[in-house]
């Protein structure tokens, strides 16, 4: 059996965990592991989105900050 530990949670947190169980026999450990996996995937997606945003910013700057556009503004 894997090693286990005791953690302290607020009663409100435990009630929330009870509410979001997918099935009555689901353990808190299984539920928390699933939540961790989801969180890690979201975090990875956010890092990818930030990376794309940085690349897009550079390209948009090239497209919008150019001499031709400035000439049109002054016409």
Protein backbone atom coordinates (compact mmCIF):
# COMPACT_ATOMS: atom_id res chain seq x y z
CA UNK A 1 0.00 0.00 0.00
CA UNK A 2 1.35 3.46 -0.85
CA UNK A 3 2.32 5.73 1.98
CA UNK A 4 -0.46 8.00 3.17
CA UNK A 5 -0.49 11.27 5.02
CA UNK A 6 -3.05 13.45 6.71
CA UNK A 7 -3.78 16.94 5.47
CA UNK A 8 -5.98 19.55 7.04
CA UNK A 9 -8.74 21.02 4.93
CA UNK A 10 -11.41 23.50 5.77
CA UNK A 11 -14.85 21.92 6.16
CA UNK A 12 -16.11 24.01 3.25
CA UNK A 13 -13.39 22.51 1.03
CA UNK A 14 -14.34 18.97 2.05
CA UNK A 15 -18.00 19.71 1.30
CA UNK A 16 -17.05 21.04 -2.10
CA UNK A 17 -15.00 17.90 -2.80
CA UNK A 18 -18.01 15.78 -1.84
CA UNK A 19 -20.18 17.74 -4.28
CA UNK A 20 -17.86 17.34 -7.24
CA UNK A 21 -17.21 13.61 -6.89
CA UNK A 22 -18.02 11.82 -10.13
CA UNK A 23 -19.37 8.78 -8.30
CA UNK A 24 -20.03 8.09 -4.60
CA UNK A 25 -17.16 5.61 -4.15
CA UNK A 26 -14.56 7.96 -5.63
CA UNK A 27 -11.84 8.64 -3.10
CA UNK A 28 -10.59 12.11 -2.35
CA UNK A 29 -7.14 10.96 -3.43
CA UNK A 30 -8.42 9.93 -6.87
CA UNK A 31 -10.40 13.14 -7.19
CA UNK A 32 -7.44 15.33 -6.22
CA UNK A 33 -5.11 13.45 -8.60
CA UNK A 34 -7.57 14.08 -11.43
CA UNK A 35 -7.78 17.76 -10.49
CA UNK A 36 -3.97 17.98 -10.49
CA UNK A 37 -3.78 16.42 -13.96
CA UNK A 38 -6.38 18.85 -15.30
CA UNK A 39 -4.56 21.78 -13.72
CA UNK A 40 -1.23 20.70 -15.25
CA UNK A 41 -2.80 20.43 -18.72
CA UNK A 42 -4.37 23.86 -18.40
CA UNK A 43 -1.06 25.29 -17.25
CA UNK A 44 0.73 23.78 -20.26
CA UNK A 45 -1.92 25.16 -22.63
CA UNK A 46 -1.58 28.61 -21.05
CA UNK A 47 2.19 28.52 -21.55
CA UNK A 48 1.64 27.58 -25.20
CA UNK A 49 -0.91 30.39 -25.59
CA UNK A 50 1.52 32.89 -24.05
CA UNK A 51 4.23 31.71 -26.43
CA UNK A 52 1.93 32.17 -29.44
CA UNK A 53 0.84 35.57 -28.20
CA UNK A 54 4.46 36.72 -27.96
CA UNK A 55 5.14 35.59 -31.51
CA UNK A 56 1.98 37.29 -32.76
CA UNK A 57 2.88 40.52 -31.00
CA UNK A 58 6.17 40.70 -32.85
CA UNK A 59 4.50 40.03 -36.20
CA UNK A 60 1.73 42.56 -35.54
CA UNK A 61 4.32 45.16 -34.67
CA UNK A 62 6.01 44.51 -38.01
CA UNK A 63 2.71 44.83 -39.82
CA UNK A 64 1.38 47.90 -38.04
CA UNK A 65 4.49 49.88 -37.21
CA UNK A 66 5.72 50.71 -40.65
CA UNK A 67 6.42 53.83 -42.66
CA UNK A 68 3.61 53.24 -45.19
CA UNK A 69 0.94 53.29 -42.49
CA UNK A 70 2.36 56.44 -40.96
CA UNK A 71 2.23 58.16 -44.37
CA UNK A 72 -1.47 57.33 -44.70
CA UNK A 73 -2.19 58.81 -41.29
CA UNK A 74 -0.67 62.11 -42.39
CA UNK A 75 -2.56 62.42 -45.68
